[in-house]
N, C-alpha and C. Protein backbone atom coordinates (compact mmCIF):
# COMPACT_ATOMS: atom_id res chain seq x y z
N UNK A 1 32.30 36.93 23.81
CA UNK A 1 31.45 37.65 22.87
C UNK A 1 29.99 37.34 23.17
N UNK A 2 29.18 38.35 23.23
CA UNK A 2 27.76 38.14 23.49
C UNK A 2 27.12 37.46 22.29
N UNK A 3 26.19 36.55 22.59
CA UNK A 3 25.51 35.86 21.51
C UNK A 3 24.15 36.51 21.30
N UNK A 4 23.69 36.50 20.08
CA UNK A 4 22.35 37.01 19.79
C UNK A 4 21.56 35.89 19.15
N UNK A 5 20.60 35.34 19.86
CA UNK A 5 19.68 34.36 19.29
C UNK A 5 18.68 35.10 18.42
N UNK A 6 17.97 34.34 17.60
CA UNK A 6 17.01 34.98 16.71
C UNK A 6 15.86 35.60 17.51
N UNK A 7 15.56 35.01 18.70
CA UNK A 7 14.41 35.50 19.44
C UNK A 7 14.73 36.71 20.29
N UNK A 8 16.01 36.84 20.77
CA UNK A 8 16.34 37.92 21.67
C UNK A 8 17.85 38.00 21.81
N UNK A 9 18.30 39.04 22.51
CA UNK A 9 19.73 39.16 22.79
C UNK A 9 20.02 38.52 24.13
N UNK A 10 20.96 37.59 24.16
CA UNK A 10 21.30 36.91 25.40
C UNK A 10 22.28 37.76 26.18
N UNK A 11 22.45 37.42 27.47
CA UNK A 11 23.37 38.17 28.30
C UNK A 11 24.80 37.87 27.91
N UNK A 12 25.68 38.86 28.07
CA UNK A 12 27.08 38.68 27.75
C UNK A 12 27.71 37.72 28.73
N UNK A 13 28.51 36.80 28.27
CA UNK A 13 29.15 35.83 29.13
C UNK A 13 30.50 35.47 28.53
N UNK A 14 31.44 35.00 29.34
CA UNK A 14 32.70 34.54 28.80
C UNK A 14 32.51 33.25 28.04
N UNK A 15 33.20 33.11 26.93
CA UNK A 15 33.12 31.87 26.17
C UNK A 15 33.77 30.75 26.97
N UNK A 16 33.35 29.51 26.66
CA UNK A 16 33.94 28.38 27.34
C UNK A 16 35.45 28.36 27.12
N UNK A 17 36.17 28.11 28.18
CA UNK A 17 37.63 28.13 28.08
C UNK A 17 38.13 26.95 27.28
N UNK A 18 39.05 27.21 26.37
CA UNK A 18 39.66 26.14 25.59
C UNK A 18 41.16 26.05 25.86
N UNK A 19 41.62 26.77 26.88
CA UNK A 19 43.05 26.75 27.19
C UNK A 19 43.46 25.38 27.69
N UNK A 20 44.63 24.90 27.27
CA UNK A 20 45.13 23.59 27.66
C UNK A 20 46.57 23.71 28.11
N UNK A 21 46.96 22.87 29.09
CA UNK A 21 48.34 22.91 29.53
C UNK A 21 49.29 22.54 28.41
N UNK A 22 50.44 23.15 28.40
CA UNK A 22 51.47 22.82 27.43
C UNK A 22 52.46 21.83 28.04
N UNK A 23 53.03 21.01 27.17
CA UNK A 23 54.05 20.09 27.65
C UNK A 23 55.29 20.89 28.01
N UNK A 24 56.01 20.47 29.05
CA UNK A 24 57.19 21.18 29.47
C UNK A 24 58.28 20.19 29.86
N UNK A 25 59.55 20.60 29.66
CA UNK A 25 60.71 19.79 30.04
C UNK A 25 60.65 18.39 29.44
N UNK A 26 60.12 18.28 28.24
CA UNK A 26 60.07 17.00 27.57
C UNK A 26 59.04 16.04 28.14
N UNK A 27 58.24 16.48 29.10
CA UNK A 27 57.24 15.61 29.73
C UNK A 27 55.86 16.04 29.26
N UNK A 28 55.19 15.18 28.51
CA UNK A 28 53.91 15.54 27.92
C UNK A 28 52.79 15.35 28.92
N UNK A 29 51.91 16.33 29.01
CA UNK A 29 50.73 16.22 29.86
C UNK A 29 49.69 15.36 29.17
N UNK A 30 48.68 14.94 29.95
CA UNK A 30 47.58 14.20 29.35
C UNK A 30 46.91 15.02 28.26
N UNK A 31 46.79 16.33 28.48
CA UNK A 31 46.16 17.19 27.49
C UNK A 31 46.94 17.21 26.18
N UNK A 32 48.26 17.14 26.27
CA UNK A 32 49.08 17.13 25.06
C UNK A 32 48.79 15.86 24.25
N UNK A 33 48.63 14.73 24.93
CA UNK A 33 48.31 13.48 24.25
C UNK A 33 46.91 13.54 23.64
N UNK A 34 45.97 14.09 24.39
CA UNK A 34 44.60 14.23 23.87
C UNK A 34 44.59 15.10 22.63
N UNK A 35 45.31 16.22 22.66
CA UNK A 35 45.37 17.11 21.51
C UNK A 35 45.99 16.41 20.30
N UNK A 36 47.05 15.63 20.54
CA UNK A 36 47.68 14.89 19.45
C UNK A 36 46.71 13.89 18.84
N UNK A 37 45.96 13.20 19.70
CA UNK A 37 44.99 12.22 19.21
C UNK A 37 43.90 12.89 18.39
N UNK A 38 43.37 14.01 18.88
CA UNK A 38 42.30 14.69 18.15
C UNK A 38 42.79 15.26 16.83
N UNK A 39 44.05 15.71 16.80
CA UNK A 39 44.61 16.20 15.55
C UNK A 39 44.68 15.09 14.51
N UNK A 40 45.12 13.90 14.93
CA UNK A 40 45.20 12.77 14.01
C UNK A 40 43.81 12.31 13.57
N UNK A 41 42.88 12.27 14.50
CA UNK A 41 41.52 11.87 14.16
C UNK A 41 40.93 12.84 13.14
N UNK A 42 41.20 14.13 13.32
CA UNK A 42 40.69 15.12 12.37
C UNK A 42 41.26 14.95 10.98
N UNK A 43 42.50 14.45 10.91
CA UNK A 43 43.16 14.27 9.61
C UNK A 43 42.88 12.90 9.00
N UNK A 44 42.97 11.85 9.82
CA UNK A 44 42.92 10.47 9.31
C UNK A 44 41.63 9.73 9.62
N UNK A 45 40.82 10.28 10.50
CA UNK A 45 39.63 9.56 10.92
C UNK A 45 39.89 8.71 12.15
N UNK A 46 38.83 8.29 12.81
CA UNK A 46 38.94 7.51 14.05
C UNK A 46 39.51 6.12 13.79
N UNK A 47 38.98 5.43 12.78
CA UNK A 47 39.37 4.04 12.55
C UNK A 47 40.80 3.90 12.07
N UNK A 48 41.31 4.92 11.40
CA UNK A 48 42.67 4.83 10.86
C UNK A 48 43.71 5.48 11.77
N UNK A 49 43.30 5.83 12.96
CA UNK A 49 44.24 6.39 13.94
C UNK A 49 44.53 5.32 14.99
N UNK A 50 45.81 4.92 15.09
CA UNK A 50 46.20 3.89 16.04
C UNK A 50 46.93 4.48 17.24
N UNK A 51 47.07 3.68 18.27
CA UNK A 51 47.76 4.13 19.46
C UNK A 51 49.21 4.46 19.18
N UNK A 52 49.86 3.68 18.31
CA UNK A 52 51.25 3.98 17.95
C UNK A 52 51.34 5.33 17.24
N UNK A 53 50.36 5.63 16.41
CA UNK A 53 50.33 6.93 15.73
C UNK A 53 50.19 8.06 16.74
N UNK A 54 49.33 7.86 17.73
CA UNK A 54 49.12 8.90 18.74
C UNK A 54 50.38 9.13 19.55
N UNK A 55 51.05 8.04 19.93
CA UNK A 55 52.29 8.17 20.70
C UNK A 55 53.33 8.95 19.91
N UNK A 56 53.47 8.61 18.63
CA UNK A 56 54.46 9.29 17.80
C UNK A 56 54.11 10.77 17.64
N UNK A 57 52.84 11.07 17.44
CA UNK A 57 52.40 12.46 17.27
C UNK A 57 52.63 13.26 18.55
N UNK A 58 52.41 12.63 19.70
CA UNK A 58 52.57 13.31 20.98
C UNK A 58 54.02 13.35 21.44
N UNK A 59 54.89 12.56 20.79
CA UNK A 59 56.29 12.52 21.18
C UNK A 59 56.54 11.77 22.48
N UNK A 60 55.74 10.71 22.71
CA UNK A 60 55.93 9.89 23.91
C UNK A 60 56.12 8.44 23.49
N UNK A 61 56.67 7.64 24.39
CA UNK A 61 56.82 6.21 24.11
C UNK A 61 55.48 5.51 24.28
N UNK A 62 55.35 4.34 23.71
CA UNK A 62 54.13 3.57 23.88
C UNK A 62 53.91 3.21 25.34
N UNK A 63 55.02 2.97 26.06
CA UNK A 63 54.90 2.67 27.48
C UNK A 63 54.30 3.82 28.26
N UNK A 64 54.74 5.05 27.96
CA UNK A 64 54.20 6.21 28.65
C UNK A 64 52.74 6.42 28.27
N UNK A 65 52.43 6.23 26.99
CA UNK A 65 51.04 6.36 26.57
C UNK A 65 50.16 5.36 27.32
N UNK A 66 50.66 4.13 27.44
CA UNK A 66 49.88 3.08 28.12
C UNK A 66 49.68 3.41 29.60
N UNK A 67 50.68 4.03 30.20
CA UNK A 67 50.56 4.36 31.62
C UNK A 67 49.52 5.44 31.86
N UNK A 68 49.19 6.19 30.82
CA UNK A 68 48.20 7.27 30.95
C UNK A 68 46.84 6.88 30.40
N UNK A 69 46.82 6.22 29.26
CA UNK A 69 45.56 5.84 28.61
C UNK A 69 45.68 4.40 28.11
N UNK A 70 44.75 3.55 28.51
CA UNK A 70 44.83 2.14 28.14
C UNK A 70 44.23 1.83 26.78
N UNK A 71 43.54 2.80 26.19
CA UNK A 71 42.89 2.56 24.90
C UNK A 71 42.56 3.88 24.23
N UNK A 72 42.18 3.81 22.95
CA UNK A 72 41.69 5.02 22.27
C UNK A 72 40.42 5.51 22.93
N UNK A 73 39.60 4.57 23.39
CA UNK A 73 38.37 4.96 24.06
C UNK A 73 38.63 5.78 25.31
N UNK A 74 39.70 5.42 26.04
CA UNK A 74 40.05 6.18 27.25
C UNK A 74 40.48 7.60 26.90
N UNK A 75 41.17 7.75 25.78
CA UNK A 75 41.56 9.10 25.33
C UNK A 75 40.32 9.90 24.96
N UNK A 76 39.41 9.26 24.26
CA UNK A 76 38.18 9.94 23.87
C UNK A 76 37.37 10.33 25.11
N UNK A 77 37.32 9.44 26.09
CA UNK A 77 36.60 9.74 27.32
C UNK A 77 37.21 10.95 28.02
N UNK A 78 38.55 11.00 28.06
CA UNK A 78 39.23 12.15 28.69
C UNK A 78 38.95 13.43 27.91
N UNK A 79 38.87 13.34 26.59
CA UNK A 79 38.55 14.51 25.77
C UNK A 79 37.14 15.02 26.10
N UNK A 80 36.18 14.10 26.19
CA UNK A 80 34.81 14.50 26.49
C UNK A 80 34.73 15.14 27.88
N UNK A 81 35.45 14.58 28.85
CA UNK A 81 35.46 15.17 30.19
C UNK A 81 36.04 16.57 30.16
N UNK A 82 37.06 16.79 29.34
CA UNK A 82 37.65 18.12 29.23
C UNK A 82 36.65 19.11 28.64
N UNK A 83 35.90 18.67 27.65
CA UNK A 83 34.88 19.52 27.06
C UNK A 83 33.79 19.81 28.08
N UNK A 84 33.42 18.81 28.87
CA UNK A 84 32.42 19.04 29.93
C UNK A 84 32.90 20.10 30.91
N UNK A 85 34.15 20.00 31.33
CA UNK A 85 34.68 20.98 32.29
C UNK A 85 34.66 22.38 31.69
N UNK A 86 35.07 22.50 30.43
CA UNK A 86 35.09 23.81 29.78
C UNK A 86 33.67 24.36 29.64
N UNK A 87 32.71 23.50 29.35
CA UNK A 87 31.32 23.93 29.22
C UNK A 87 30.76 24.44 30.54
N UNK A 88 31.11 23.75 31.62
CA UNK A 88 30.55 24.08 32.93
C UNK A 88 31.34 25.17 33.65
N UNK A 89 32.53 25.48 33.16
CA UNK A 89 33.32 26.52 33.81
C UNK A 89 32.59 27.86 33.70
N UNK A 90 32.37 28.48 34.83
CA UNK A 90 31.66 29.76 34.84
C UNK A 90 30.15 29.63 34.73
N UNK A 91 29.65 28.38 34.74
CA UNK A 91 28.20 28.18 34.60
C UNK A 91 27.46 28.27 35.92
N UNK A 92 28.17 28.57 37.01
CA UNK A 92 27.51 28.67 38.31
C UNK A 92 26.42 29.74 38.31
N UNK A 93 26.69 30.87 37.62
CA UNK A 93 25.69 31.93 37.55
C UNK A 93 24.47 31.47 36.77
N UNK A 94 24.70 30.65 35.75
CA UNK A 94 23.58 30.12 34.98
C UNK A 94 22.69 29.28 35.89
N UNK A 95 23.33 28.45 36.72
CA UNK A 95 22.57 27.55 37.58
C UNK A 95 21.79 28.28 38.66
N UNK A 96 22.32 29.42 39.12
CA UNK A 96 21.69 30.12 40.24
C UNK A 96 20.76 31.25 39.81
N UNK A 97 20.66 31.51 38.52
CA UNK A 97 19.83 32.62 38.03
C UNK A 97 18.41 32.14 37.78
N UNK A 98 17.50 32.53 38.65
CA UNK A 98 16.09 32.13 38.51
C UNK A 98 15.32 33.04 37.57
N UNK A 99 15.97 34.07 37.02
CA UNK A 99 15.25 35.01 36.15
C UNK A 99 15.25 34.56 34.70
N UNK A 100 16.06 33.56 34.35
CA UNK A 100 16.11 33.08 32.97
C UNK A 100 15.33 31.78 32.85
N UNK A 101 14.83 31.52 31.65
CA UNK A 101 14.06 30.30 31.40
C UNK A 101 14.99 29.12 31.19
N UNK A 102 14.44 27.93 31.32
CA UNK A 102 15.21 26.71 31.05
C UNK A 102 15.70 26.71 29.61
N UNK A 103 14.84 27.18 28.71
CA UNK A 103 15.22 27.23 27.30
C UNK A 103 16.45 28.10 27.08
N UNK A 104 16.48 29.27 27.72
CA UNK A 104 17.63 30.16 27.58
C UNK A 104 18.88 29.55 28.19
N UNK A 105 18.72 28.87 29.30
CA UNK A 105 19.86 28.24 29.94
C UNK A 105 20.46 27.15 29.05
N UNK A 106 19.59 26.34 28.47
CA UNK A 106 20.08 25.28 27.59
C UNK A 106 20.75 25.87 26.35
N UNK A 107 20.18 26.93 25.82
CA UNK A 107 20.78 27.60 24.67
C UNK A 107 22.20 28.03 25.00
N UNK A 108 22.37 28.68 26.15
CA UNK A 108 23.68 29.16 26.56
C UNK A 108 24.66 28.02 26.76
N UNK A 109 24.23 26.96 27.43
CA UNK A 109 25.13 25.84 27.73
C UNK A 109 25.55 25.10 26.47
N UNK A 110 24.61 24.88 25.56
CA UNK A 110 24.95 24.17 24.32
C UNK A 110 25.91 24.99 23.47
N UNK A 111 25.70 26.31 23.40
CA UNK A 111 26.63 27.14 22.65
C UNK A 111 28.00 27.19 23.33
N UNK A 112 28.03 27.15 24.67
CA UNK A 112 29.31 27.05 25.38
C UNK A 112 30.04 25.77 24.96
N UNK A 113 29.30 24.70 24.83
CA UNK A 113 29.91 23.43 24.44
C UNK A 113 30.50 23.51 23.03
N UNK A 114 29.79 24.14 22.12
CA UNK A 114 30.32 24.31 20.77
C UNK A 114 31.57 25.20 20.78
N UNK A 115 31.59 26.20 21.65
CA UNK A 115 32.80 27.02 21.80
C UNK A 115 33.99 26.16 22.19
N UNK A 116 33.77 25.26 23.15
CA UNK A 116 34.85 24.41 23.63
C UNK A 116 35.29 23.41 22.57
N UNK A 117 34.37 22.96 21.73
CA UNK A 117 34.68 21.99 20.68
C UNK A 117 35.32 22.62 19.45
N UNK A 118 35.20 23.93 19.31
CA UNK A 118 35.61 24.61 18.07
C UNK A 118 37.04 24.30 17.64
N UNK A 119 38.04 24.27 18.55
CA UNK A 119 39.41 23.97 18.08
C UNK A 119 39.56 22.56 17.51
N UNK A 120 38.59 21.69 17.75
CA UNK A 120 38.68 20.29 17.30
C UNK A 120 37.52 19.94 16.37
N UNK A 121 37.07 20.91 15.59
CA UNK A 121 35.90 20.71 14.75
C UNK A 121 36.13 19.59 13.73
N UNK A 122 37.32 19.51 13.17
CA UNK A 122 37.62 18.46 12.19
C UNK A 122 37.54 17.08 12.85
N UNK A 123 38.02 16.97 14.07
CA UNK A 123 37.97 15.70 14.79
C UNK A 123 36.53 15.32 15.12
N UNK A 124 35.73 16.31 15.52
CA UNK A 124 34.32 16.05 15.82
C UNK A 124 33.60 15.55 14.57
N UNK A 125 33.89 16.17 13.43
CA UNK A 125 33.28 15.73 12.17
C UNK A 125 33.69 14.30 11.84
N UNK A 126 34.96 13.96 12.06
CA UNK A 126 35.44 12.60 11.78
C UNK A 126 34.79 11.59 12.72
N UNK A 127 34.65 11.95 13.99
CA UNK A 127 34.01 11.06 14.95
C UNK A 127 32.55 10.85 14.59
N UNK A 128 31.86 11.91 14.19
CA UNK A 128 30.46 11.79 13.79
C UNK A 128 30.31 10.88 12.58
N UNK A 129 31.30 10.87 11.72
CA UNK A 129 31.27 10.05 10.52
C UNK A 129 31.65 8.60 10.81
N UNK A 130 32.67 8.38 11.65
CA UNK A 130 33.26 7.05 11.81
C UNK A 130 32.64 6.22 12.93
N UNK A 131 32.24 6.84 14.02
CA UNK A 131 31.79 6.07 15.18
C UNK A 131 30.54 5.22 14.92
N UNK A 132 29.55 5.72 14.14
CA UNK A 132 28.38 4.86 13.90
C UNK A 132 28.73 3.53 13.23
N UNK A 133 29.86 3.48 12.52
CA UNK A 133 30.28 2.23 11.87
C UNK A 133 31.08 1.34 12.81
N UNK A 134 31.30 1.81 14.05
CA UNK A 134 32.04 1.04 15.05
C UNK A 134 31.11 0.86 16.24
N UNK A 135 30.29 -0.21 16.26
CA UNK A 135 29.21 -0.32 17.25
C UNK A 135 29.66 -0.17 18.70
N UNK A 136 30.76 -0.82 19.09
CA UNK A 136 31.18 -0.75 20.49
C UNK A 136 31.58 0.68 20.86
N UNK A 137 32.36 1.31 19.98
CA UNK A 137 32.77 2.70 20.24
C UNK A 137 31.56 3.62 20.27
N UNK A 138 30.62 3.39 19.36
CA UNK A 138 29.42 4.22 19.32
C UNK A 138 28.60 4.06 20.60
N UNK A 139 28.53 2.82 21.12
CA UNK A 139 27.78 2.56 22.35
C UNK A 139 28.42 3.31 23.52
N UNK A 140 29.74 3.22 23.61
CA UNK A 140 30.45 3.92 24.70
C UNK A 140 30.29 5.43 24.57
N UNK A 141 30.39 5.93 23.35
CA UNK A 141 30.26 7.36 23.13
C UNK A 141 28.85 7.84 23.47
N UNK A 142 27.85 7.01 23.18
CA UNK A 142 26.48 7.36 23.54
C UNK A 142 26.32 7.51 25.04
N UNK A 143 26.96 6.63 25.79
CA UNK A 143 26.91 6.73 27.25
C UNK A 143 27.59 7.99 27.74
N UNK A 144 28.74 8.32 27.15
CA UNK A 144 29.45 9.55 27.53
C UNK A 144 28.58 10.78 27.27
N UNK A 145 27.94 10.80 26.10
CA UNK A 145 27.13 11.96 25.73
C UNK A 145 25.92 12.09 26.65
N UNK A 146 25.32 10.97 27.03
CA UNK A 146 24.20 11.02 27.96
C UNK A 146 24.62 11.61 29.30
N UNK A 147 25.81 11.24 29.78
CA UNK A 147 26.30 11.80 31.03
C UNK A 147 26.52 13.31 30.91
N UNK A 148 27.08 13.71 29.77
CA UNK A 148 27.32 15.14 29.55
C UNK A 148 26.01 15.91 29.51
N UNK A 149 25.02 15.38 28.80
CA UNK A 149 23.74 16.06 28.70
C UNK A 149 23.01 16.06 30.03
N UNK A 150 23.21 15.02 30.85
CA UNK A 150 22.59 14.98 32.17
C UNK A 150 23.11 16.13 33.03
N UNK A 151 24.42 16.39 32.95
CA UNK A 151 25.00 17.51 33.69
C UNK A 151 24.42 18.83 33.20
N UNK A 152 24.37 19.01 31.89
CA UNK A 152 23.85 20.26 31.35
C UNK A 152 22.39 20.45 31.70
N UNK A 153 21.61 19.36 31.64
CA UNK A 153 20.20 19.45 31.99
C UNK A 153 20.03 19.86 33.45
N UNK A 154 20.84 19.26 34.31
CA UNK A 154 20.74 19.59 35.74
C UNK A 154 21.07 21.05 35.99
N UNK A 155 22.12 21.56 35.35
CA UNK A 155 22.49 22.97 35.50
C UNK A 155 21.37 23.88 35.01
N UNK A 156 20.71 23.47 33.93
CA UNK A 156 19.65 24.30 33.35
C UNK A 156 18.35 24.24 34.14
N UNK A 157 18.26 23.32 35.09
CA UNK A 157 17.05 23.21 35.89
C UNK A 157 16.07 22.17 35.39
N UNK A 158 16.54 21.22 34.57
CA UNK A 158 15.69 20.15 34.06
C UNK A 158 15.76 18.97 35.02
N UNK A 159 14.64 18.48 35.53
CA UNK A 159 14.66 17.31 36.40
C UNK A 159 15.16 16.08 35.64
N UNK A 160 16.11 15.35 36.23
CA UNK A 160 16.72 14.22 35.53
C UNK A 160 16.56 12.90 36.26
N UNK A 161 15.82 12.88 37.37
CA UNK A 161 15.67 11.66 38.15
C UNK A 161 14.58 10.76 37.56
N UNK A 162 14.78 9.45 37.71
CA UNK A 162 13.78 8.49 37.34
C UNK A 162 13.66 8.26 35.85
N UNK A 163 12.72 7.40 35.45
CA UNK A 163 12.53 7.09 34.03
C UNK A 163 12.19 8.31 33.18
N UNK A 164 11.36 9.20 33.71
CA UNK A 164 11.01 10.40 32.95
C UNK A 164 12.22 11.30 32.78
N UNK A 165 13.06 11.36 33.81
CA UNK A 165 14.29 12.14 33.70
C UNK A 165 15.20 11.59 32.61
N UNK A 166 15.28 10.26 32.51
CA UNK A 166 16.11 9.66 31.46
C UNK A 166 15.55 9.99 30.08
N UNK A 167 14.23 10.01 29.95
CA UNK A 167 13.63 10.39 28.67
C UNK A 167 13.97 11.83 28.32
N UNK A 168 13.97 12.71 29.32
CA UNK A 168 14.35 14.09 29.07
C UNK A 168 15.79 14.19 28.58
N UNK A 169 16.68 13.42 29.23
CA UNK A 169 18.09 13.44 28.83
C UNK A 169 18.24 12.95 27.40
N UNK A 170 17.55 11.87 27.05
CA UNK A 170 17.64 11.35 25.68
C UNK A 170 17.08 12.34 24.67
N UNK A 171 16.04 13.04 25.08
CA UNK A 171 15.51 14.08 24.19
C UNK A 171 16.50 15.20 23.99
N UNK A 172 17.21 15.56 25.06
CA UNK A 172 18.22 16.61 24.95
C UNK A 172 19.39 16.14 24.09
N UNK A 173 19.75 14.86 24.19
CA UNK A 173 20.80 14.30 23.33
C UNK A 173 20.42 14.45 21.86
N UNK A 174 19.18 14.10 21.53
CA UNK A 174 18.72 14.21 20.14
C UNK A 174 18.75 15.66 19.68
N UNK A 175 18.32 16.57 20.54
CA UNK A 175 18.33 17.99 20.20
C UNK A 175 19.76 18.48 19.97
N UNK A 176 20.65 18.08 20.85
CA UNK A 176 22.06 18.49 20.73
C UNK A 176 22.68 17.95 19.44
N UNK A 177 22.43 16.69 19.11
CA UNK A 177 23.01 16.12 17.90
C UNK A 177 22.49 16.81 16.65
N UNK A 178 21.23 17.21 16.67
CA UNK A 178 20.68 17.97 15.54
C UNK A 178 21.42 19.29 15.39
N UNK A 179 21.59 20.01 16.50
CA UNK A 179 22.29 21.29 16.44
C UNK A 179 23.75 21.10 16.04
N UNK A 180 24.36 20.00 16.47
CA UNK A 180 25.76 19.76 16.13
C UNK A 180 25.94 19.54 14.64
N UNK A 181 24.99 18.87 14.00
CA UNK A 181 25.09 18.67 12.55
C UNK A 181 25.08 20.01 11.83
N UNK A 182 24.27 20.94 12.30
CA UNK A 182 24.27 22.28 11.71
C UNK A 182 25.59 22.97 12.00
N UNK A 183 26.08 22.88 13.23
CA UNK A 183 27.33 23.52 13.64
C UNK A 183 28.51 23.03 12.80
N UNK A 184 28.54 21.76 12.48
CA UNK A 184 29.66 21.20 11.72
C UNK A 184 29.77 21.82 10.33
N UNK A 185 28.66 22.32 9.80
CA UNK A 185 28.67 22.92 8.46
C UNK A 185 28.55 24.44 8.51
N UNK A 186 28.60 25.00 9.71
CA UNK A 186 28.45 26.45 9.88
C UNK A 186 29.84 27.08 10.00
N UNK A 187 30.27 27.74 8.93
CA UNK A 187 31.60 28.35 8.92
C UNK A 187 31.57 29.85 9.22
N UNK A 188 30.43 30.37 9.59
CA UNK A 188 30.33 31.81 9.87
C UNK A 188 31.01 32.13 11.19
N UNK A 189 31.50 33.37 11.30
CA UNK A 189 32.18 33.79 12.53
C UNK A 189 31.23 33.86 13.72
N UNK A 190 29.97 34.23 13.47
CA UNK A 190 29.03 34.40 14.59
C UNK A 190 28.14 33.19 14.82
N UNK A 191 28.35 32.12 14.02
CA UNK A 191 27.57 30.89 14.17
C UNK A 191 26.06 31.16 14.12
N UNK A 192 25.68 32.05 13.24
CA UNK A 192 24.27 32.44 13.15
C UNK A 192 23.37 31.26 12.77
N UNK A 193 23.82 30.42 11.84
CA UNK A 193 23.00 29.27 11.43
C UNK A 193 22.81 28.30 12.59
N UNK A 194 23.89 28.08 13.34
CA UNK A 194 23.80 27.17 14.48
C UNK A 194 22.83 27.70 15.52
N UNK A 195 22.96 28.99 15.85
CA UNK A 195 22.09 29.58 16.86
C UNK A 195 20.64 29.57 16.42
N UNK A 196 20.41 29.83 15.13
CA UNK A 196 19.04 29.83 14.63
C UNK A 196 18.43 28.43 14.71
N UNK A 197 19.21 27.41 14.30
CA UNK A 197 18.71 26.03 14.34
C UNK A 197 18.49 25.58 15.78
N UNK A 198 19.41 25.92 16.68
CA UNK A 198 19.28 25.54 18.08
C UNK A 198 18.07 26.22 18.70
N UNK A 199 17.90 27.50 18.41
CA UNK A 199 16.77 28.24 18.96
C UNK A 199 15.45 27.63 18.50
N UNK A 200 15.39 27.28 17.21
CA UNK A 200 14.16 26.70 16.67
C UNK A 200 13.88 25.33 17.32
N UNK A 201 14.92 24.53 17.51
CA UNK A 201 14.75 23.21 18.12
C UNK A 201 14.30 23.34 19.57
N UNK A 202 14.87 24.28 20.29
CA UNK A 202 14.47 24.50 21.68
C UNK A 202 13.03 25.01 21.77
N UNK A 203 12.64 25.85 20.81
CA UNK A 203 11.27 26.35 20.78
C UNK A 203 10.29 25.20 20.57
N UNK A 204 10.63 24.30 19.63
CA UNK A 204 9.74 23.15 19.36
C UNK A 204 9.62 22.27 20.60
N UNK A 205 10.76 22.04 21.27
CA UNK A 205 10.74 21.22 22.48
C UNK A 205 9.91 21.89 23.58
N UNK A 206 10.03 23.20 23.68
CA UNK A 206 9.26 23.93 24.69
C UNK A 206 7.77 23.85 24.40
N UNK A 207 7.39 23.99 23.14
CA UNK A 207 5.98 23.88 22.77
C UNK A 207 5.44 22.49 23.09
N UNK A 208 6.27 21.47 22.85
CA UNK A 208 5.86 20.11 23.18
C UNK A 208 5.68 19.96 24.68
N UNK A 209 6.60 20.54 25.45
CA UNK A 209 6.52 20.46 26.91
C UNK A 209 5.25 21.13 27.42
N UNK A 210 4.84 22.20 26.76
CA UNK A 210 3.64 22.91 27.19
C UNK A 210 2.37 22.15 26.85
N UNK A 211 2.44 21.30 25.82
CA UNK A 211 1.27 20.54 25.42
C UNK A 211 1.13 19.22 26.16
N UNK A 212 2.26 18.74 26.71
CA UNK A 212 2.25 17.47 27.44
C UNK A 212 2.75 17.75 28.85
N UNK A 213 1.90 17.72 29.85
CA UNK A 213 2.32 18.06 31.21
C UNK A 213 3.50 17.21 31.68
N UNK A 214 4.44 17.88 32.35
CA UNK A 214 5.62 17.23 32.95
C UNK A 214 6.50 16.52 31.93
N UNK A 215 6.47 16.99 30.69
CA UNK A 215 7.25 16.32 29.65
C UNK A 215 8.60 16.97 29.47
N UNK A 216 9.36 16.49 28.52
CA UNK A 216 10.72 17.00 28.22
C UNK A 216 10.64 18.42 27.67
N UNK A 217 11.65 19.26 27.99
CA UNK A 217 12.38 19.20 29.23
C UNK A 217 12.28 20.51 29.98
N UNK A 218 11.29 21.34 29.67
CA UNK A 218 11.38 22.76 30.03
C UNK A 218 10.57 23.16 31.26
N UNK A 219 9.89 22.27 31.86
CA UNK A 219 9.11 22.66 33.02
C UNK A 219 9.85 22.28 34.30
N UNK A 220 10.05 23.28 35.13
CA UNK A 220 10.69 23.02 36.40
C UNK A 220 9.66 22.42 37.37
N UNK A 221 10.12 21.60 38.30
CA UNK A 221 9.18 21.08 39.30
C UNK A 221 8.61 22.23 40.13
N UNK A 222 7.35 22.14 40.42
CA UNK A 222 6.71 23.20 41.20
C UNK A 222 7.24 23.20 42.63
N UNK A 223 7.48 24.39 43.13
CA UNK A 223 7.94 24.50 44.49
C UNK A 223 6.75 24.40 45.44
N UNK A 224 7.01 23.77 46.56
CA UNK A 224 5.95 23.63 47.55
C UNK A 224 5.60 25.00 48.12
N UNK A 225 4.32 25.22 48.28
CA UNK A 225 3.86 26.49 48.82
C UNK A 225 3.41 26.29 50.25
N UNK A 226 3.70 27.26 51.09
CA UNK A 226 3.34 27.14 52.51
C UNK A 226 1.88 27.52 52.73
């Protein structure tokens, strides 16, 4: 479905894929275990979901669960990687299109990510609520999110190398978390509130970038001229 930002109509693109392998012949795939874990987290919260609960929900033994994931954190890491893949699937055209601005590219990629997260919205809300109270898990999750945003920034054409690149990534993390808070409470079919909030946040960041040379995150490095 084509998205319409408040500033303009974006190009039509396929939504991020959320298709997952199904378990077959009594043998559960990693995705089946991840889905079971996210379902429980959405219902019970992160802290009240144990590995034994996940194994029972997925219909696997604890031994099989251990052979695939050594901890809840490993399951969460695999979930984030799956979301990253879904976000980046089909994003090659975004990366190679020099006719769109960095702001538009980031808008598209972040909305793709929300598309991929949509089937697990309850779990995302529970994680947002519970992880800050679990310092070690929150620290690990922060690292995962920085890696995800670094990929998205690179695809959008944002320089990510060096200390300034890390500042840009952290700025994008803050922008994404702001938009995610709006998304978690946006029950509309077209996600109009989310798109409006994201567009406004990207506009503010772009204005800041224009006022501070080489700042976060919208200016591409100048190409060398012959």
